[in-house]
């Protein structure tokens, strides 16, 4: 059986990531539209909390990547 080339596998992976990004944007739109209808204050509070959550999560996940050496 013939193995797919590296370039073909790379394009397939890029297609899957692109499709996942589009699906993610559609789900995000369906989530944010009702929040915008609740009022500007509610939407602003939700957005600020999301930004704080994403920043803290990225710090937590990248902590080992940025400094892999143990504290001495």
N, C-alpha and C. Protein backbone atom coordinates (compact mmCIF):
# COMPACT_ATOMS: atom_id res chain seq x y z
N UNK A 1 0.84 -1.17 0.00
CA UNK A 1 0.00 0.00 0.00
C UNK A 1 0.89 1.24 0.00
N UNK A 2 0.55 2.21 -0.80
CA UNK A 2 1.37 3.40 -0.97
C UNK A 2 1.14 4.39 0.16
N UNK A 3 2.23 4.90 0.74
CA UNK A 3 2.17 5.90 1.80
C UNK A 3 1.93 7.27 1.18
N UNK A 4 1.08 8.11 1.78
CA UNK A 4 0.90 9.46 1.25
C UNK A 4 2.16 10.29 1.48
N UNK A 5 2.43 11.20 0.58
CA UNK A 5 3.63 12.03 0.69
C UNK A 5 3.48 13.00 1.85
N UNK A 6 4.61 13.54 2.27
CA UNK A 6 4.62 14.48 3.39
C UNK A 6 3.84 15.74 3.05
N UNK A 7 3.99 16.23 1.83
CA UNK A 7 3.25 17.42 1.41
C UNK A 7 1.75 17.20 1.42
N UNK A 8 1.32 16.02 1.00
CA UNK A 8 -0.11 15.69 1.00
C UNK A 8 -0.64 15.63 2.42
N UNK A 9 0.11 15.04 3.32
CA UNK A 9 -0.31 14.95 4.72
C UNK A 9 -0.36 16.34 5.35
N UNK A 10 0.58 17.19 4.97
CA UNK A 10 0.60 18.55 5.49
C UNK A 10 -0.63 19.33 5.03
N UNK A 11 -0.99 19.18 3.77
CA UNK A 11 -2.19 19.85 3.25
C UNK A 11 -3.46 19.33 3.90
N UNK A 12 -3.52 18.04 4.14
CA UNK A 12 -4.69 17.47 4.82
C UNK A 12 -4.80 18.02 6.24
N UNK A 13 -3.68 18.11 6.93
CA UNK A 13 -3.69 18.67 8.29
C UNK A 13 -4.09 20.13 8.30
N UNK A 14 -3.60 20.90 7.31
CA UNK A 14 -3.97 22.31 7.22
C UNK A 14 -5.46 22.47 6.93
N UNK A 15 -6.01 21.58 6.10
CA UNK A 15 -7.43 21.62 5.80
C UNK A 15 -8.26 21.33 7.05
N UNK A 16 -7.85 20.35 7.82
CA UNK A 16 -8.58 20.00 9.04
C UNK A 16 -8.54 21.16 10.04
N UNK A 17 -7.37 21.79 10.19
CA UNK A 17 -7.27 22.92 11.12
C UNK A 17 -8.11 24.11 10.64
N UNK A 18 -8.12 24.35 9.35
CA UNK A 18 -8.93 25.44 8.81
C UNK A 18 -10.41 25.19 9.02
N UNK A 19 -10.84 23.96 8.79
CA UNK A 19 -12.24 23.60 9.00
C UNK A 19 -12.62 23.73 10.47
N UNK A 20 -11.72 23.32 11.36
CA UNK A 20 -11.99 23.45 12.80
C UNK A 20 -12.10 24.92 13.20
N UNK A 21 -11.29 25.78 12.60
CA UNK A 21 -11.36 27.21 12.90
C UNK A 21 -12.70 27.81 12.45
N UNK A 22 -13.16 27.41 11.29
CA UNK A 22 -14.45 27.91 10.79
C UNK A 22 -15.59 27.45 11.68
N UNK A 23 -15.58 26.19 12.07
CA UNK A 23 -16.62 25.66 12.96
C UNK A 23 -16.59 26.37 14.30
N UNK A 24 -15.39 26.63 14.81
CA UNK A 24 -15.25 27.34 16.08
C UNK A 24 -15.82 28.75 16.00
N UNK A 25 -15.59 29.44 14.89
CA UNK A 25 -16.12 30.79 14.72
C UNK A 25 -17.65 30.78 14.66
N UNK A 26 -18.22 29.78 14.01
CA UNK A 26 -19.69 29.68 13.92
C UNK A 26 -20.29 29.43 15.30
N UNK A 27 -19.68 28.52 16.06
CA UNK A 27 -20.18 28.24 17.42
C UNK A 27 -20.05 29.49 18.29
N UNK A 28 -18.95 30.21 18.16
CA UNK A 28 -18.76 31.44 18.93
C UNK A 28 -19.79 32.50 18.60
N UNK A 29 -20.16 32.59 17.33
CA UNK A 29 -21.19 33.57 16.93
C UNK A 29 -22.53 33.22 17.55
N UNK A 30 -22.88 31.94 17.55
CA UNK A 30 -24.15 31.53 18.16
C UNK A 30 -24.15 31.76 19.67
N UNK A 31 -22.98 31.74 20.28
CA UNK A 31 -22.90 31.97 21.72
C UNK A 31 -23.01 33.46 22.03
N UNK A 32 -22.39 34.31 21.21
CA UNK A 32 -22.32 35.73 21.54
C UNK A 32 -23.56 36.52 21.14
N UNK A 33 -24.30 36.09 20.15
CA UNK A 33 -25.47 36.84 19.71
C UNK A 33 -26.51 36.98 20.84
N UNK A 34 -26.87 35.92 21.56
CA UNK A 34 -27.82 36.11 22.67
C UNK A 34 -27.27 37.00 23.78
N UNK A 35 -25.95 36.94 24.02
CA UNK A 35 -25.37 37.80 25.05
C UNK A 35 -25.46 39.27 24.66
N UNK A 36 -25.30 39.58 23.41
CA UNK A 36 -25.42 40.96 22.96
C UNK A 36 -26.85 41.46 23.13
N UNK A 37 -27.82 40.58 22.98
CA UNK A 37 -29.22 40.97 23.14
C UNK A 37 -29.59 41.23 24.60
N UNK A 38 -28.82 40.67 25.55
CA UNK A 38 -29.11 40.89 26.96
C UNK A 38 -28.72 42.29 27.41
N UNK A 39 -27.82 42.90 26.71
CA UNK A 39 -27.41 44.26 27.07
C UNK A 39 -25.91 44.42 26.98
N UNK A 40 -25.50 45.66 26.89
CA UNK A 40 -24.09 45.97 26.72
C UNK A 40 -23.28 45.61 27.96
N UNK A 41 -23.85 45.83 29.14
CA UNK A 41 -23.12 45.56 30.38
C UNK A 41 -22.86 44.07 30.55
N UNK A 42 -23.83 43.24 30.26
CA UNK A 42 -23.67 41.79 30.38
C UNK A 42 -22.64 41.29 29.39
N UNK A 43 -22.70 41.78 28.17
CA UNK A 43 -21.75 41.35 27.14
C UNK A 43 -20.33 41.78 27.50
N UNK A 44 -20.17 42.99 28.02
CA UNK A 44 -18.86 43.48 28.42
C UNK A 44 -18.29 42.65 29.57
N UNK A 45 -19.12 42.33 30.56
CA UNK A 45 -18.66 41.50 31.68
C UNK A 45 -18.24 40.12 31.21
N UNK A 46 -19.01 39.54 30.30
CA UNK A 46 -18.67 38.22 29.77
C UNK A 46 -17.35 38.27 29.01
N UNK A 47 -17.16 39.30 28.20
CA UNK A 47 -15.94 39.42 27.41
C UNK A 47 -14.72 39.59 28.30
N UNK A 48 -14.82 40.41 29.33
CA UNK A 48 -13.69 40.62 30.24
C UNK A 48 -13.35 39.32 30.96
N UNK A 49 -14.36 38.60 31.40
CA UNK A 49 -14.10 37.34 32.10
C UNK A 49 -13.47 36.30 31.16
N UNK A 50 -13.90 36.28 29.93
CA UNK A 50 -13.30 35.35 28.95
C UNK A 50 -11.83 35.68 28.71
N UNK A 51 -11.53 36.96 28.58
CA UNK A 51 -10.14 37.36 28.36
C UNK A 51 -9.28 36.97 29.56
N UNK A 52 -9.79 37.22 30.76
CA UNK A 52 -9.03 36.84 31.97
C UNK A 52 -8.82 35.33 32.03
N UNK A 53 -9.85 34.56 31.70
CA UNK A 53 -9.74 33.10 31.73
C UNK A 53 -8.73 32.61 30.71
N UNK A 54 -8.78 33.14 29.51
CA UNK A 54 -7.86 32.70 28.45
C UNK A 54 -6.43 33.06 28.82
N UNK A 55 -6.21 34.25 29.36
CA UNK A 55 -4.85 34.65 29.76
C UNK A 55 -4.31 33.77 30.88
N UNK A 56 -5.13 33.50 31.89
CA UNK A 56 -4.65 32.66 32.99
C UNK A 56 -4.43 31.23 32.54
N UNK A 57 -5.28 30.73 31.66
CA UNK A 57 -5.11 29.37 31.15
C UNK A 57 -3.85 29.26 30.30
N UNK A 58 -3.59 30.26 29.48
CA UNK A 58 -2.40 30.20 28.64
C UNK A 58 -1.14 30.31 29.49
N UNK A 59 -1.17 31.11 30.54
CA UNK A 59 -0.01 31.18 31.44
C UNK A 59 0.23 29.83 32.10
N UNK A 60 -0.83 29.20 32.52
CA UNK A 60 -0.71 27.90 33.19
C UNK A 60 -0.16 26.85 32.24
N UNK A 61 -0.66 26.82 31.01
CA UNK A 61 -0.22 25.81 30.05
C UNK A 61 1.19 26.06 29.54
N UNK A 62 1.56 27.32 29.38
CA UNK A 62 2.86 27.65 28.82
C UNK A 62 3.96 27.80 29.87
N UNK A 63 3.62 27.67 31.12
CA UNK A 63 4.59 27.87 32.18
C UNK A 63 5.77 26.91 32.03
N UNK A 64 5.50 25.64 31.78
CA UNK A 64 6.57 24.67 31.63
C UNK A 64 7.33 24.85 30.32
N UNK A 65 6.65 25.33 29.29
CA UNK A 65 7.31 25.52 28.00
C UNK A 65 8.29 26.68 28.03
N UNK A 66 7.95 27.76 28.76
CA UNK A 66 8.79 28.94 28.78
C UNK A 66 10.01 28.76 29.66
N UNK A 67 9.88 28.01 30.73
CA UNK A 67 11.00 27.81 31.63
C UNK A 67 11.01 26.35 32.08
N UNK A 68 11.64 25.48 31.29
CA UNK A 68 11.58 24.06 31.60
C UNK A 68 12.52 23.62 32.73
N UNK A 69 13.41 24.52 33.18
CA UNK A 69 14.39 24.13 34.19
C UNK A 69 13.81 24.32 35.57
N UNK A 70 14.11 23.43 36.49
CA UNK A 70 13.57 23.57 37.86
C UNK A 70 14.19 24.78 38.55
N UNK A 71 13.41 25.36 39.43
CA UNK A 71 13.93 26.51 40.22
C UNK A 71 15.02 26.04 41.13
N UNK A 72 16.11 26.79 41.16
CA UNK A 72 17.21 26.37 42.05
C UNK A 72 17.52 27.44 43.06
